N, C-alpha and C. Protein backbone atom coordinates (compact mmCIF):
# COMPACT_ATOMS: atom_id res chain seq x y z
N MET A 1 -42.30 -6.62 7.64
CA MET A 1 -41.30 -5.68 8.11
C MET A 1 -39.98 -6.39 8.43
N ALA A 2 -40.08 -7.61 8.98
CA ALA A 2 -38.86 -8.36 9.30
C ALA A 2 -38.06 -8.66 8.05
N GLY A 3 -38.75 -8.96 6.94
CA GLY A 3 -38.07 -9.22 5.68
C GLY A 3 -37.30 -8.01 5.20
N PHE A 4 -37.88 -6.82 5.36
CA PHE A 4 -37.21 -5.58 4.97
C PHE A 4 -35.95 -5.37 5.80
N SER A 5 -36.03 -5.62 7.12
CA SER A 5 -34.87 -5.46 8.00
C SER A 5 -33.74 -6.40 7.60
N ARG A 6 -34.09 -7.65 7.30
CA ARG A 6 -33.07 -8.62 6.88
C ARG A 6 -32.41 -8.17 5.58
N ALA A 7 -33.21 -7.72 4.64
CA ALA A 7 -32.68 -7.28 3.35
C ALA A 7 -31.77 -6.06 3.54
N LEU A 8 -32.15 -5.14 4.40
CA LEU A 8 -31.34 -3.95 4.65
C LEU A 8 -30.00 -4.33 5.28
N VAL A 9 -30.01 -5.24 6.25
CA VAL A 9 -28.77 -5.68 6.88
C VAL A 9 -27.86 -6.34 5.85
N LEU A 10 -28.43 -7.23 5.02
CA LEU A 10 -27.63 -7.89 3.98
C LEU A 10 -27.06 -6.89 2.99
N LEU A 11 -27.87 -5.93 2.58
CA LEU A 11 -27.43 -4.92 1.63
C LEU A 11 -26.26 -4.12 2.21
N CYS A 12 -26.39 -3.68 3.45
CA CYS A 12 -25.30 -2.94 4.10
C CYS A 12 -24.04 -3.79 4.20
N PHE A 13 -24.21 -5.06 4.52
CA PHE A 13 -23.07 -5.97 4.66
C PHE A 13 -22.30 -6.10 3.37
N PHE A 14 -23.00 -6.38 2.29
CA PHE A 14 -22.30 -6.61 1.02
C PHE A 14 -21.75 -5.32 0.43
N PHE A 15 -22.44 -4.18 0.60
CA PHE A 15 -21.91 -2.93 0.07
C PHE A 15 -20.71 -2.43 0.86
N SER A 16 -20.63 -2.80 2.14
CA SER A 16 -19.49 -2.35 2.93
C SER A 16 -18.19 -2.94 2.41
N PHE A 17 -18.26 -4.03 1.66
CA PHE A 17 -17.05 -4.65 1.12
C PHE A 17 -16.84 -4.34 -0.35
N SER A 18 -17.83 -3.77 -1.03
CA SER A 18 -17.71 -3.65 -2.46
C SER A 18 -17.47 -2.22 -2.95
N GLU A 19 -17.78 -1.22 -2.16
CA GLU A 19 -17.62 0.14 -2.62
C GLU A 19 -16.30 0.73 -2.14
N ALA A 20 -15.64 1.43 -3.03
CA ALA A 20 -14.39 2.09 -2.67
C ALA A 20 -14.68 3.18 -1.64
N ARG A 21 -13.74 3.36 -0.73
CA ARG A 21 -13.92 4.37 0.31
C ARG A 21 -12.74 5.32 0.32
N ASP A 22 -13.01 6.53 0.78
CA ASP A 22 -11.97 7.51 1.03
C ASP A 22 -11.59 7.41 2.50
N HIS A 23 -10.29 7.29 2.78
CA HIS A 23 -9.79 7.22 4.15
C HIS A 23 -9.05 8.52 4.46
N LEU A 24 -9.59 9.32 5.37
CA LEU A 24 -8.90 10.52 5.80
C LEU A 24 -7.71 10.08 6.65
N VAL A 25 -6.50 10.37 6.20
CA VAL A 25 -5.29 9.91 6.87
C VAL A 25 -5.28 10.39 8.31
N GLY A 26 -5.13 9.44 9.21
CA GLY A 26 -5.14 9.74 10.63
C GLY A 26 -6.53 9.90 11.21
N GLY A 27 -7.54 9.85 10.34
CA GLY A 27 -8.92 9.99 10.80
C GLY A 27 -9.35 11.41 11.06
N LYS A 28 -8.49 12.38 10.79
CA LYS A 28 -8.84 13.78 11.03
C LYS A 28 -7.99 14.70 10.16
N ALA A 29 -8.46 15.92 9.96
CA ALA A 29 -7.69 16.90 9.21
C ALA A 29 -6.44 17.26 10.02
N ASP A 30 -5.40 17.64 9.34
CA ASP A 30 -4.12 18.03 9.95
C ASP A 30 -3.46 16.92 10.75
N ALA A 31 -3.73 15.66 10.41
CA ALA A 31 -3.06 14.54 11.09
C ALA A 31 -1.66 14.31 10.51
N TRP A 32 -1.38 14.89 9.34
CA TRP A 32 -0.08 14.73 8.70
C TRP A 32 0.91 15.67 9.37
N LYS A 33 1.53 15.18 10.46
CA LYS A 33 2.48 15.96 11.25
C LYS A 33 3.37 15.01 12.02
N ILE A 34 4.39 15.53 12.65
CA ILE A 34 5.26 14.71 13.50
C ILE A 34 4.41 14.25 14.68
N PRO A 35 4.36 12.94 14.93
CA PRO A 35 3.54 12.46 16.04
C PRO A 35 4.11 12.87 17.40
N SER A 36 3.21 13.13 18.35
CA SER A 36 3.65 13.53 19.70
C SER A 36 4.15 12.33 20.50
N SER A 37 3.75 11.12 20.09
CA SER A 37 4.20 9.89 20.76
C SER A 37 4.04 8.73 19.79
N GLU A 38 4.60 7.57 20.17
CA GLU A 38 4.49 6.37 19.33
C GLU A 38 3.02 5.99 19.12
N SER A 39 2.20 6.15 20.16
CA SER A 39 0.78 5.79 20.04
C SER A 39 0.02 6.76 19.15
N ASP A 40 0.59 7.92 18.87
CA ASP A 40 -0.02 8.92 17.99
C ASP A 40 0.44 8.74 16.54
N SER A 41 1.24 7.72 16.29
CA SER A 41 1.79 7.46 14.96
C SER A 41 0.69 7.16 13.95
N LEU A 42 0.87 7.61 12.72
CA LEU A 42 -0.09 7.31 11.67
C LEU A 42 -0.10 5.82 11.35
N ASN A 43 1.00 5.12 11.59
CA ASN A 43 1.01 3.68 11.37
C ASN A 43 0.09 2.97 12.35
N GLN A 44 -0.07 3.50 13.56
CA GLN A 44 -1.03 2.93 14.52
C GLN A 44 -2.44 3.05 13.94
N TRP A 45 -2.77 4.20 13.35
CA TRP A 45 -4.07 4.40 12.72
C TRP A 45 -4.24 3.43 11.55
N ALA A 46 -3.23 3.30 10.70
CA ALA A 46 -3.33 2.44 9.51
C ALA A 46 -3.52 0.98 9.88
N GLU A 47 -2.89 0.52 10.97
CA GLU A 47 -3.02 -0.88 11.38
C GLU A 47 -4.44 -1.23 11.80
N LYS A 48 -5.23 -0.23 12.18
CA LYS A 48 -6.61 -0.46 12.62
C LYS A 48 -7.60 -0.36 11.46
N SER A 49 -7.12 -0.05 10.28
CA SER A 49 -7.99 0.14 9.12
C SER A 49 -7.81 -0.99 8.11
N ARG A 50 -8.79 -1.18 7.26
CA ARG A 50 -8.72 -2.16 6.16
C ARG A 50 -8.77 -1.37 4.86
N PHE A 51 -7.72 -1.53 4.07
CA PHE A 51 -7.62 -0.82 2.79
C PHE A 51 -7.81 -1.82 1.66
N LEU A 52 -8.69 -1.48 0.73
CA LEU A 52 -9.00 -2.35 -0.40
C LEU A 52 -8.62 -1.66 -1.70
N ILE A 53 -8.40 -2.46 -2.74
CA ILE A 53 -8.12 -1.91 -4.06
C ILE A 53 -9.28 -1.00 -4.45
N GLY A 54 -8.96 0.20 -4.90
CA GLY A 54 -9.97 1.17 -5.29
C GLY A 54 -10.22 2.23 -4.23
N ASP A 55 -9.84 1.95 -2.97
CA ASP A 55 -9.95 2.95 -1.92
C ASP A 55 -8.96 4.09 -2.19
N SER A 56 -9.16 5.20 -1.50
CA SER A 56 -8.25 6.34 -1.62
C SER A 56 -7.82 6.83 -0.25
N LEU A 57 -6.59 7.31 -0.18
CA LEU A 57 -6.09 7.99 1.01
C LEU A 57 -6.26 9.48 0.77
N VAL A 58 -6.74 10.20 1.77
CA VAL A 58 -6.97 11.64 1.65
C VAL A 58 -6.17 12.34 2.74
N TRP A 59 -5.31 13.26 2.33
CA TRP A 59 -4.55 14.09 3.26
C TRP A 59 -5.15 15.48 3.26
N LYS A 60 -5.40 16.03 4.42
CA LYS A 60 -5.85 17.42 4.58
C LYS A 60 -4.77 18.12 5.40
N HIS A 61 -3.94 18.90 4.74
CA HIS A 61 -2.87 19.61 5.42
C HIS A 61 -2.47 20.84 4.62
N ASP A 62 -1.71 21.71 5.23
CA ASP A 62 -1.24 22.94 4.60
C ASP A 62 -0.07 22.62 3.68
N GLY A 63 -0.28 22.75 2.38
CA GLY A 63 0.75 22.45 1.38
C GLY A 63 1.91 23.43 1.39
N ASN A 64 1.77 24.58 2.05
CA ASN A 64 2.87 25.53 2.16
C ASN A 64 3.86 25.13 3.25
N LYS A 65 3.42 24.24 4.16
CA LYS A 65 4.26 23.85 5.27
C LYS A 65 4.82 22.43 5.14
N ASP A 66 4.19 21.59 4.32
CA ASP A 66 4.63 20.20 4.23
C ASP A 66 4.16 19.59 2.92
N SER A 67 4.70 18.44 2.59
CA SER A 67 4.27 17.68 1.43
C SER A 67 4.24 16.20 1.79
N VAL A 68 3.61 15.43 0.92
CA VAL A 68 3.53 13.98 1.08
C VAL A 68 4.32 13.37 -0.07
N LEU A 69 5.25 12.50 0.25
CA LEU A 69 6.03 11.82 -0.78
C LEU A 69 5.72 10.33 -0.74
N GLN A 70 5.34 9.77 -1.88
CA GLN A 70 5.22 8.32 -1.99
C GLN A 70 6.60 7.82 -2.38
N VAL A 71 7.12 6.85 -1.61
CA VAL A 71 8.50 6.40 -1.81
C VAL A 71 8.58 4.88 -1.81
N THR A 72 9.75 4.38 -2.13
CA THR A 72 10.02 2.94 -2.07
C THR A 72 10.20 2.53 -0.60
N LYS A 73 10.20 1.23 -0.36
CA LYS A 73 10.42 0.73 1.00
C LYS A 73 11.78 1.19 1.52
N LYS A 74 12.80 1.08 0.67
CA LYS A 74 14.15 1.49 1.08
C LYS A 74 14.18 2.96 1.48
N ASP A 75 13.56 3.82 0.67
CA ASP A 75 13.54 5.25 0.99
C ASP A 75 12.69 5.54 2.23
N TYR A 76 11.67 4.73 2.46
CA TYR A 76 10.86 4.87 3.68
C TYR A 76 11.72 4.58 4.90
N VAL A 77 12.44 3.46 4.86
CA VAL A 77 13.26 3.04 6.00
C VAL A 77 14.37 4.05 6.28
N THR A 78 15.00 4.57 5.21
CA THR A 78 16.13 5.49 5.38
C THR A 78 15.70 6.96 5.41
N CYS A 79 14.41 7.22 5.23
CA CYS A 79 13.88 8.59 5.19
C CYS A 79 14.53 9.42 4.08
N ASN A 80 14.78 8.78 2.95
CA ASN A 80 15.36 9.46 1.79
C ASN A 80 14.24 10.12 1.00
N ASN A 81 14.26 11.45 0.95
CA ASN A 81 13.22 12.17 0.20
C ASN A 81 13.72 12.74 -1.12
N SER A 82 14.87 12.27 -1.60
CA SER A 82 15.47 12.85 -2.81
C SER A 82 14.89 12.32 -4.12
N SER A 83 14.28 11.14 -4.12
CA SER A 83 13.76 10.59 -5.38
C SER A 83 12.41 9.88 -5.17
N PRO A 84 11.37 10.65 -4.84
CA PRO A 84 10.07 10.02 -4.58
C PRO A 84 9.43 9.45 -5.84
N ILE A 85 8.57 8.47 -5.64
CA ILE A 85 7.75 7.94 -6.74
C ILE A 85 6.78 9.01 -7.18
N GLU A 86 6.15 9.68 -6.21
CA GLU A 86 5.23 10.79 -6.44
C GLU A 86 5.40 11.80 -5.32
N ALA A 87 5.15 13.07 -5.61
CA ALA A 87 5.17 14.12 -4.61
C ALA A 87 3.84 14.86 -4.66
N TYR A 88 3.26 15.11 -3.49
CA TYR A 88 1.95 15.75 -3.41
C TYR A 88 2.05 16.94 -2.45
N ASN A 89 1.42 18.05 -2.82
CA ASN A 89 1.38 19.24 -1.96
C ASN A 89 -0.06 19.57 -1.62
N GLY A 90 -0.28 20.01 -0.40
CA GLY A 90 -1.63 20.42 0.02
C GLY A 90 -2.56 19.24 0.14
N ASN A 91 -3.85 19.56 0.09
CA ASN A 91 -4.85 18.50 0.19
C ASN A 91 -4.67 17.54 -0.97
N THR A 92 -4.57 16.26 -0.65
CA THR A 92 -4.18 15.24 -1.62
C THR A 92 -5.09 14.03 -1.50
N LYS A 93 -5.36 13.41 -2.65
CA LYS A 93 -6.10 12.16 -2.69
C LYS A 93 -5.32 11.18 -3.55
N VAL A 94 -4.96 10.03 -2.95
CA VAL A 94 -4.18 9.02 -3.64
C VAL A 94 -5.01 7.75 -3.73
N LYS A 95 -5.28 7.30 -4.96
CA LYS A 95 -6.06 6.08 -5.15
C LYS A 95 -5.14 4.87 -5.02
N LEU A 96 -5.61 3.88 -4.27
CA LEU A 96 -4.85 2.64 -4.04
C LEU A 96 -5.30 1.63 -5.08
N GLU A 97 -4.51 1.45 -6.12
CA GLU A 97 -4.93 0.67 -7.29
C GLU A 97 -4.36 -0.75 -7.37
N ARG A 98 -3.58 -1.14 -6.37
CA ARG A 98 -2.99 -2.49 -6.39
C ARG A 98 -2.87 -2.99 -4.95
N PRO A 99 -2.78 -4.31 -4.78
CA PRO A 99 -2.57 -4.83 -3.43
C PRO A 99 -1.12 -4.65 -3.00
N GLY A 100 -0.90 -4.71 -1.70
CA GLY A 100 0.44 -4.62 -1.17
C GLY A 100 0.69 -3.33 -0.43
N PRO A 101 1.93 -3.12 -0.03
CA PRO A 101 2.26 -1.94 0.78
C PRO A 101 2.48 -0.67 -0.06
N PHE A 102 2.11 0.45 0.52
CA PHE A 102 2.39 1.78 -0.02
C PHE A 102 3.13 2.54 1.08
N TYR A 103 4.17 3.27 0.70
CA TYR A 103 5.03 3.95 1.67
C TYR A 103 4.98 5.46 1.42
N PHE A 104 4.78 6.23 2.50
CA PHE A 104 4.70 7.68 2.41
C PHE A 104 5.55 8.30 3.51
N ILE A 105 6.24 9.40 3.16
CA ILE A 105 7.02 10.15 4.14
C ILE A 105 6.76 11.64 3.92
N SER A 106 7.11 12.43 4.93
CA SER A 106 7.02 13.88 4.81
C SER A 106 8.13 14.38 3.89
N GLY A 107 7.85 15.43 3.14
CA GLY A 107 8.85 16.03 2.27
C GLY A 107 9.72 17.05 2.98
N VAL A 108 9.42 17.35 4.24
CA VAL A 108 10.20 18.33 4.99
C VAL A 108 11.36 17.62 5.69
N GLU A 109 12.56 18.17 5.49
CA GLU A 109 13.77 17.59 6.08
C GLU A 109 13.61 17.42 7.59
N GLY A 110 13.92 16.21 8.06
CA GLY A 110 13.88 15.92 9.49
C GLY A 110 12.54 15.39 10.01
N HIS A 111 11.46 15.62 9.28
CA HIS A 111 10.15 15.17 9.76
C HIS A 111 10.02 13.65 9.73
N CYS A 112 10.47 13.01 8.66
CA CYS A 112 10.40 11.56 8.57
C CYS A 112 11.19 10.92 9.71
N GLU A 113 12.38 11.41 9.96
CA GLU A 113 13.22 10.87 11.03
C GLU A 113 12.54 10.98 12.40
N ASN A 114 11.63 11.94 12.52
CA ASN A 114 10.90 12.13 13.77
C ASN A 114 9.53 11.45 13.76
N GLY A 115 9.31 10.56 12.79
CA GLY A 115 8.11 9.72 12.80
C GLY A 115 6.98 10.11 11.87
N GLN A 116 7.17 11.15 11.06
CA GLN A 116 6.10 11.56 10.15
C GLN A 116 6.18 10.74 8.87
N LYS A 117 5.64 9.53 8.96
CA LYS A 117 5.64 8.62 7.82
C LYS A 117 4.50 7.63 8.00
N LEU A 118 4.19 6.92 6.91
CA LEU A 118 3.02 6.05 6.91
C LEU A 118 3.20 4.87 5.97
N ILE A 119 2.84 3.68 6.46
CA ILE A 119 2.76 2.49 5.61
C ILE A 119 1.30 2.08 5.57
N VAL A 120 0.78 1.88 4.37
CA VAL A 120 -0.59 1.39 4.19
C VAL A 120 -0.50 0.10 3.39
N VAL A 121 -1.14 -0.96 3.88
CA VAL A 121 -1.15 -2.23 3.18
C VAL A 121 -2.55 -2.47 2.62
N VAL A 122 -2.61 -2.63 1.29
CA VAL A 122 -3.88 -2.85 0.59
C VAL A 122 -4.09 -4.35 0.44
N MET A 123 -5.28 -4.80 0.84
CA MET A 123 -5.60 -6.22 0.77
C MET A 123 -5.78 -6.66 -0.68
N SER A 124 -5.42 -7.90 -0.95
CA SER A 124 -5.61 -8.46 -2.29
C SER A 124 -7.06 -8.87 -2.47
N GLU A 125 -7.46 -9.11 -3.71
CA GLU A 125 -8.82 -9.58 -3.99
C GLU A 125 -9.09 -10.90 -3.28
N LYS A 126 -8.08 -11.76 -3.19
CA LYS A 126 -8.23 -13.05 -2.51
C LYS A 126 -8.62 -12.83 -1.05
N HIS A 127 -7.92 -11.93 -0.36
CA HIS A 127 -8.25 -11.65 1.03
C HIS A 127 -9.59 -10.96 1.15
N ARG A 128 -9.93 -10.13 0.20
CA ARG A 128 -11.22 -9.43 0.22
C ARG A 128 -12.36 -10.45 0.12
N ARG A 129 -12.24 -11.42 -0.80
CA ARG A 129 -13.28 -12.44 -0.94
C ARG A 129 -13.37 -13.29 0.32
N PHE A 130 -12.23 -13.60 0.91
CA PHE A 130 -12.20 -14.39 2.13
C PHE A 130 -12.97 -13.68 3.25
N MET A 131 -12.81 -12.38 3.34
CA MET A 131 -13.49 -11.62 4.38
C MET A 131 -15.00 -11.65 4.21
N THR A 132 -15.49 -11.68 2.98
CA THR A 132 -16.92 -11.57 2.77
C THR A 132 -17.65 -12.90 2.83
N ILE A 133 -16.96 -14.04 2.60
CA ILE A 133 -17.70 -15.29 2.56
C ILE A 133 -17.27 -16.32 3.59
N SER A 134 -16.23 -16.06 4.34
CA SER A 134 -15.79 -17.10 5.26
C SER A 134 -16.70 -17.18 6.47
N PRO A 135 -17.08 -18.38 6.86
CA PRO A 135 -17.94 -18.55 8.02
C PRO A 135 -17.14 -18.39 9.31
N ALA A 136 -17.87 -18.18 10.40
CA ALA A 136 -17.23 -18.08 11.70
C ALA A 136 -16.55 -19.41 12.02
N PRO A 137 -15.41 -19.39 12.71
CA PRO A 137 -14.67 -20.61 12.97
C PRO A 137 -15.31 -21.50 14.04
N SER A 138 -16.14 -20.94 14.91
CA SER A 138 -16.75 -21.74 15.96
C SER A 138 -18.07 -21.11 16.38
N PRO A 139 -18.91 -21.84 17.10
CA PRO A 139 -20.16 -21.26 17.57
C PRO A 139 -19.90 -20.03 18.43
N VAL A 140 -20.83 -19.09 18.39
CA VAL A 140 -20.71 -17.85 19.13
C VAL A 140 -21.86 -17.76 20.12
N GLU A 141 -21.55 -17.30 21.32
CA GLU A 141 -22.58 -17.13 22.34
C GLU A 141 -23.20 -15.75 22.16
N PHE A 142 -24.52 -15.68 21.99
CA PHE A 142 -25.22 -14.42 21.79
C PHE A 142 -26.46 -14.43 22.66
N GLU A 143 -26.47 -13.59 23.69
CA GLU A 143 -27.58 -13.50 24.63
C GLU A 143 -27.99 -14.86 25.15
N GLY A 144 -26.97 -15.66 25.54
CA GLY A 144 -27.24 -16.93 26.16
C GLY A 144 -27.56 -18.07 25.22
N THR A 145 -27.62 -17.82 23.91
CA THR A 145 -27.95 -18.86 22.94
C THR A 145 -26.75 -19.10 22.04
N ALA A 146 -26.33 -20.35 21.92
CA ALA A 146 -25.22 -20.66 21.02
C ALA A 146 -25.71 -20.59 19.59
N ILE A 147 -24.95 -19.96 18.73
CA ILE A 147 -25.29 -19.82 17.32
C ILE A 147 -24.22 -20.54 16.52
N ALA A 148 -24.60 -21.51 15.74
CA ALA A 148 -23.65 -22.25 14.92
C ALA A 148 -23.19 -21.41 13.76
N PRO A 149 -21.96 -21.58 13.32
CA PRO A 149 -21.48 -20.81 12.17
C PRO A 149 -22.19 -21.23 10.89
N ALA A 150 -22.23 -20.31 9.95
CA ALA A 150 -22.84 -20.59 8.65
C ALA A 150 -21.98 -21.61 7.91
N SER A 151 -22.62 -22.38 7.04
CA SER A 151 -21.86 -23.38 6.29
C SER A 151 -21.40 -22.86 4.95
N GLY A 152 -21.52 -21.60 4.69
CA GLY A 152 -21.08 -20.99 3.45
C GLY A 152 -21.78 -19.68 3.24
N ALA A 153 -21.44 -18.99 2.17
CA ALA A 153 -22.01 -17.67 1.92
C ALA A 153 -23.50 -17.74 1.65
N ALA A 154 -23.98 -18.85 1.09
CA ALA A 154 -25.39 -18.95 0.73
C ALA A 154 -26.26 -19.14 1.96
N SER A 155 -25.74 -19.66 3.04
CA SER A 155 -26.53 -19.92 4.24
C SER A 155 -26.18 -18.91 5.31
N LEU A 156 -27.09 -17.96 5.54
CA LEU A 156 -26.84 -16.95 6.55
C LEU A 156 -27.79 -17.09 7.72
N LYS A 157 -28.56 -18.13 7.77
CA LYS A 157 -29.53 -18.30 8.84
C LYS A 157 -28.81 -18.40 10.18
N GLY A 158 -29.18 -17.52 11.09
CA GLY A 158 -28.61 -17.55 12.42
C GLY A 158 -27.15 -17.15 12.49
N SER A 159 -26.66 -16.43 11.54
CA SER A 159 -25.25 -16.06 11.52
C SER A 159 -25.05 -14.65 12.02
N LEU A 160 -23.97 -14.44 12.73
CA LEU A 160 -23.57 -13.09 13.08
C LEU A 160 -22.83 -12.52 11.89
N MET A 161 -23.10 -11.27 11.56
CA MET A 161 -22.36 -10.64 10.46
C MET A 161 -21.45 -9.58 11.06
N VAL A 162 -20.16 -9.72 10.79
CA VAL A 162 -19.18 -8.80 11.34
C VAL A 162 -18.37 -8.24 10.18
N ALA A 163 -18.22 -6.92 10.15
CA ALA A 163 -17.41 -6.27 9.12
C ALA A 163 -16.41 -5.38 9.82
N SER A 164 -15.15 -5.57 9.53
CA SER A 164 -14.06 -4.78 10.09
C SER A 164 -14.16 -4.70 11.62
N GLY A 165 -14.52 -5.80 12.24
CA GLY A 165 -14.57 -5.86 13.68
C GLY A 165 -15.82 -5.23 14.30
N VAL A 166 -16.78 -4.80 13.50
CA VAL A 166 -17.99 -4.19 14.01
C VAL A 166 -19.16 -5.11 13.76
N LEU A 167 -19.93 -5.41 14.80
CA LEU A 167 -21.11 -6.25 14.64
C LEU A 167 -22.15 -5.48 13.86
N ILE A 168 -22.54 -6.01 12.69
CA ILE A 168 -23.56 -5.36 11.86
C ILE A 168 -24.93 -5.81 12.28
N GLY A 169 -25.12 -7.07 12.52
CA GLY A 169 -26.43 -7.54 12.92
C GLY A 169 -26.50 -9.05 12.90
N VAL A 170 -27.64 -9.55 13.31
CA VAL A 170 -27.90 -10.98 13.30
C VAL A 170 -29.02 -11.21 12.30
N VAL A 171 -28.81 -12.14 11.41
CA VAL A 171 -29.81 -12.43 10.38
C VAL A 171 -30.53 -13.71 10.75
N TRP A 172 -31.83 -13.63 10.85
CA TRP A 172 -32.67 -14.81 11.12
C TRP A 172 -33.58 -14.96 9.93
N MET A 173 -33.24 -15.89 9.04
CA MET A 173 -34.01 -16.06 7.80
C MET A 173 -34.80 -17.34 7.84
């Protein structure tokens, strides 16, 4: 039974980094709106997330009241909605197909100036590989016992596995 548990933990660990995910913008439906405060900003939500090539952003909002415009950095900064890269109305799904920043603003006049905009940074393959195989930088204290970091991806004995800041489990092989 212990072997099955170890295999399940490893399987979850590796699939969490390899499968594309859909990210509901803001973490909830109708999050595409003027934020009520700086802490309610969609950029605050995006900074807490990890976006990988192949993931998608999903907007759930009323297309009769607002739109999502993908724009250049310059148009994002100046809130220029006159020449978007892409324009989306209603419920929208945008696939993130390259590393780097993506810029989005509201298509309604005045909304961007009031904070309704979003920057999403997609990690490169290099950073993605680093996240999955890099060992812990120093020993970690776990229930009173020091655990030495793994010496590489092949050695997981006694290693803590952490994905996106969440402890997945401890593997004892």
